[in-house]
Each structure stands twice: as C-alpha cells, then as structure tokens.
C-alpha atoms as a PDB file:
ATOM      1  CA  MET A   1       3.435   2.976 -20.867  1.00  0.00           C
ATOM      2  CA  LYS A   2       6.801   3.907 -19.279  1.00  0.00           C
ATOM      3  CA  LYS A   3       5.272   6.533 -16.886  1.00  0.00           C
ATOM      4  CA  VAL A   4       3.157   3.595 -15.414  1.00  0.00           C
ATOM      5  CA  ILE A   5       5.959   1.383 -14.373  1.00  0.00           C
ATOM      6  CA  ALA A   6       7.433   3.588 -11.737  1.00  0.00           C
ATOM      7  CA  PRO A   7       4.289   3.957  -9.450  1.00  0.00           C
ATOM      8  CA  ILE A   8       3.699   0.261  -9.860  1.00  0.00           C
ATOM      9  CA  ILE A   9       7.105  -0.692  -8.642  1.00  0.00           C
ATOM     10  CA  ILE A  10       7.162   1.932  -5.783  1.00  0.00           C
ATOM     11  CA  THR A  11       3.805   0.776  -4.627  1.00  0.00           C
ATOM     12  CA  LEU A  12       4.814  -2.930  -4.737  1.00  0.00           C
ATOM     13  CA  LEU A  13       8.018  -2.264  -2.797  1.00  0.00           C
ATOM     14  CA  VAL A  14       6.136  -0.287  -0.098  1.00  0.00           C
ATOM     15  CA  LEU A  15       3.402  -3.037   0.017  1.00  0.00           C
ATOM     16  CA  ALA A  16       6.151  -5.653   0.553  1.00  0.00           C
ATOM     17  CA  VAL A  17       7.576  -3.733   3.326  1.00  0.00           C
ATOM     18  CA  LEU A  18       4.318  -3.222   5.155  1.00  0.00           C
ATOM     19  CA  PHE A  19       3.365  -6.837   4.478  1.00  0.00           C
ATOM     20  CA  PHE A  20       6.663  -7.860   6.308  1.00  0.00           C
ATOM     21  CA  TYR A  21       5.843  -5.546   9.075  1.00  0.00           C
ATOM     22  CA  ILE A  22       2.446  -6.837   9.533  1.00  0.00           C
ATOM     23  CA  THR A  23       4.132 -10.511   9.625  1.00  0.00           C
ATOM     24  CA  ALA A  24       6.529  -9.401  12.346  1.00  0.00           C
ATOM     25  CA  LEU A  25       3.458  -8.079  14.243  1.00  0.00           C
ATOM     26  CA  VAL A  26       1.555 -11.308  13.930  1.00  0.00           C
ATOM     27  CA  VAL A  27       4.709 -13.224  15.134  1.00  0.00           C
ATOM     28  CA  THR A  28       4.940 -10.798  18.115  1.00  0.00           C
ATOM     29  CA  SER A  29       1.357 -11.055  19.074  1.00  0.00           C
ATOM     30  CA  SER A  30       1.370 -14.709  18.986  1.00  0.00           C
ATOM     31  CA  GLN A  31       4.197 -14.636  21.687  1.00  0.00           C
ATOM     32  CA  THR A  32       2.669 -12.092  23.975  1.00  0.00           C
ATOM     33  CA  THR A  33      -0.104 -13.104  26.554  1.00  0.00           C
ATOM     34  CA  ASP A  34      -0.897  -9.570  27.672  1.00  0.00           C
ATOM     35  CA  LEU A  35      -4.287  -8.546  26.458  1.00  0.00           C
ATOM     36  CA  PHE A  36      -3.379  -4.804  26.174  1.00  0.00           C
ATOM     37  CA  SER A  37      -0.289  -5.430  24.079  1.00  0.00           C
ATOM     38  CA  ASN A  38      -2.305  -7.760  21.685  1.00  0.00           C
ATOM     39  CA  ALA A  39      -4.886  -5.041  21.337  1.00  0.00           C
ATOM     40  CA  ILE A  40      -2.378  -2.463  20.509  1.00  0.00           C
ATOM     41  CA  LEU A  41      -0.690  -4.951  17.998  1.00  0.00           C
ATOM     42  CA  ILE A  42      -4.050  -5.721  16.454  1.00  0.00           C
ATOM     43  CA  GLY A  43      -4.852  -2.053  16.030  1.00  0.00           C
ATOM     44  CA  THR A  44      -1.475  -1.506  14.527  1.00  0.00           C
ATOM     45  CA  MET A  45      -2.087  -4.286  12.066  1.00  0.00           C
ATOM     46  CA  ILE A  46      -5.720  -2.997  10.944  1.00  0.00           C
ATOM     47  CA  ILE A  47      -4.146   0.549  10.415  1.00  0.00           C
ATOM     48  CA  ILE A  48      -1.400  -0.871   8.310  1.00  0.00           C
ATOM     49  CA  GLY A  49      -3.784  -2.858   6.362  1.00  0.00           C
ATOM     50  CA  ILE A  50      -5.974   0.346   5.619  1.00  0.00           C
ATOM     51  CA  ILE A  51      -2.863   2.104   4.529  1.00  0.00           C
ATOM     52  CA  MET A  52      -2.099  -0.778   2.178  1.00  0.00           C
ATOM     53  CA  LEU A  53      -5.616  -0.707   0.634  1.00  0.00           C
ATOM     54  CA  THR A  54      -5.375   2.992   0.239  1.00  0.00           C
ATOM     55  CA  MET A  55      -2.119   2.610  -1.514  1.00  0.00           C
ATOM     56  CA  VAL A  56      -3.597   0.335  -3.921  1.00  0.00           C
ATOM     57  CA  TYR A  57      -6.569   2.659  -4.541  1.00  0.00           C
ATOM     58  CA  VAL A  58      -4.115   5.659  -5.183  1.00  0.00           C
ATOM     59  CA  LEU A  59      -2.134   3.537  -7.564  1.00  0.00           C
ATOM     60  CA  PHE A  60      -5.406   2.894  -9.674  1.00  0.00           C
ATOM     61  CA  GLN A  61      -6.036   6.699  -9.549  1.00  0.00           C
ATOM     62  CA  ARG A  62      -2.523   7.371 -10.538  1.00  0.00           C
ATOM     63  CA  ILE A  63      -2.720   5.018 -13.580  1.00  0.00           C
ATOM     64  CA  LYS A  64      -5.961   6.392 -14.699  1.00  0.00           C
ATOM     65  CA  GLU A  65      -4.592   9.944 -14.458  1.00  0.00           C
ATOM     66  CA  ILE A  66      -1.512   8.862 -16.523  1.00  0.00           C
ATOM     67  CA  LYS A  67      -3.580   7.268 -19.207  1.00  0.00           C
ATOM     68  CA  GLU A  68      -5.987  10.509 -19.469  1.00  0.00           C
ATOM     69  CA  GLU A  69      -2.805  12.690 -19.443  1.00  0.00           C
ATOM     70  CA  ASP A  70      -1.540  10.909 -22.581  1.00  0.00           C
ATOM     71  CA  LYS A  71      -4.901  11.398 -24.386  1.00  0.00           C
ATOM     72  CA  ASP A  72      -4.839  15.100 -23.560  1.00  0.00           C
ATOM     73  CA  ASP A  73      -1.190  15.444 -24.840  1.00  0.00           C
ATOM     74  CA  LEU A  74      -2.158  13.925 -28.078  1.00  0.00           C
ATOM     75  CA  SER A  75      -5.096  16.216 -28.575  1.00  0.00           C
ATOM     76  CA  LYS A  76      -2.654  19.362 -28.254  1.00  0.00           C
ATOM     77  CA  TYR A  77      -1.070  18.453 -31.645  1.00  0.00           C
END
C-alpha cells in the first residue's frame, strides 16, 4: 500500500499546479478582447485539460500495475 501513496501524491500536486494554471488562463482570457489571443488561450486550456485527464488515466494504470506486482512477488515464495 505504501507504494501507491507516492504516485497519488505526485499526481495530485501536478494536477493542482495545472488547475491553477488553467485558472490563471481563464482570468487572462476574460480580460483580453482580442479574438486571436482568446483562441490561443482556449487552445492552451484544452491541451492542459487533456494532459490532466491523461495523468489521471496513467495514475490508475500505475496503481493497477503496483497491485499486480504485489501478487507476482507473493507467488515467487
């Protein structure tokens, strides 16, 4: 169980940083009136959102991998 804690904490920290970055982009996009700048900001937000979803997916894969690893280690003895 201890092996699972580190990936969860790291993922949550990175997700928090990305969330604050998206929040800053939302504030910035609400202050600009230029269409091109808003399009760039919205595109950046979408890319960051995709990265966040991918991180959650990879976290679940890693947890599954760790659980399977424990089962394999027990069968060796």
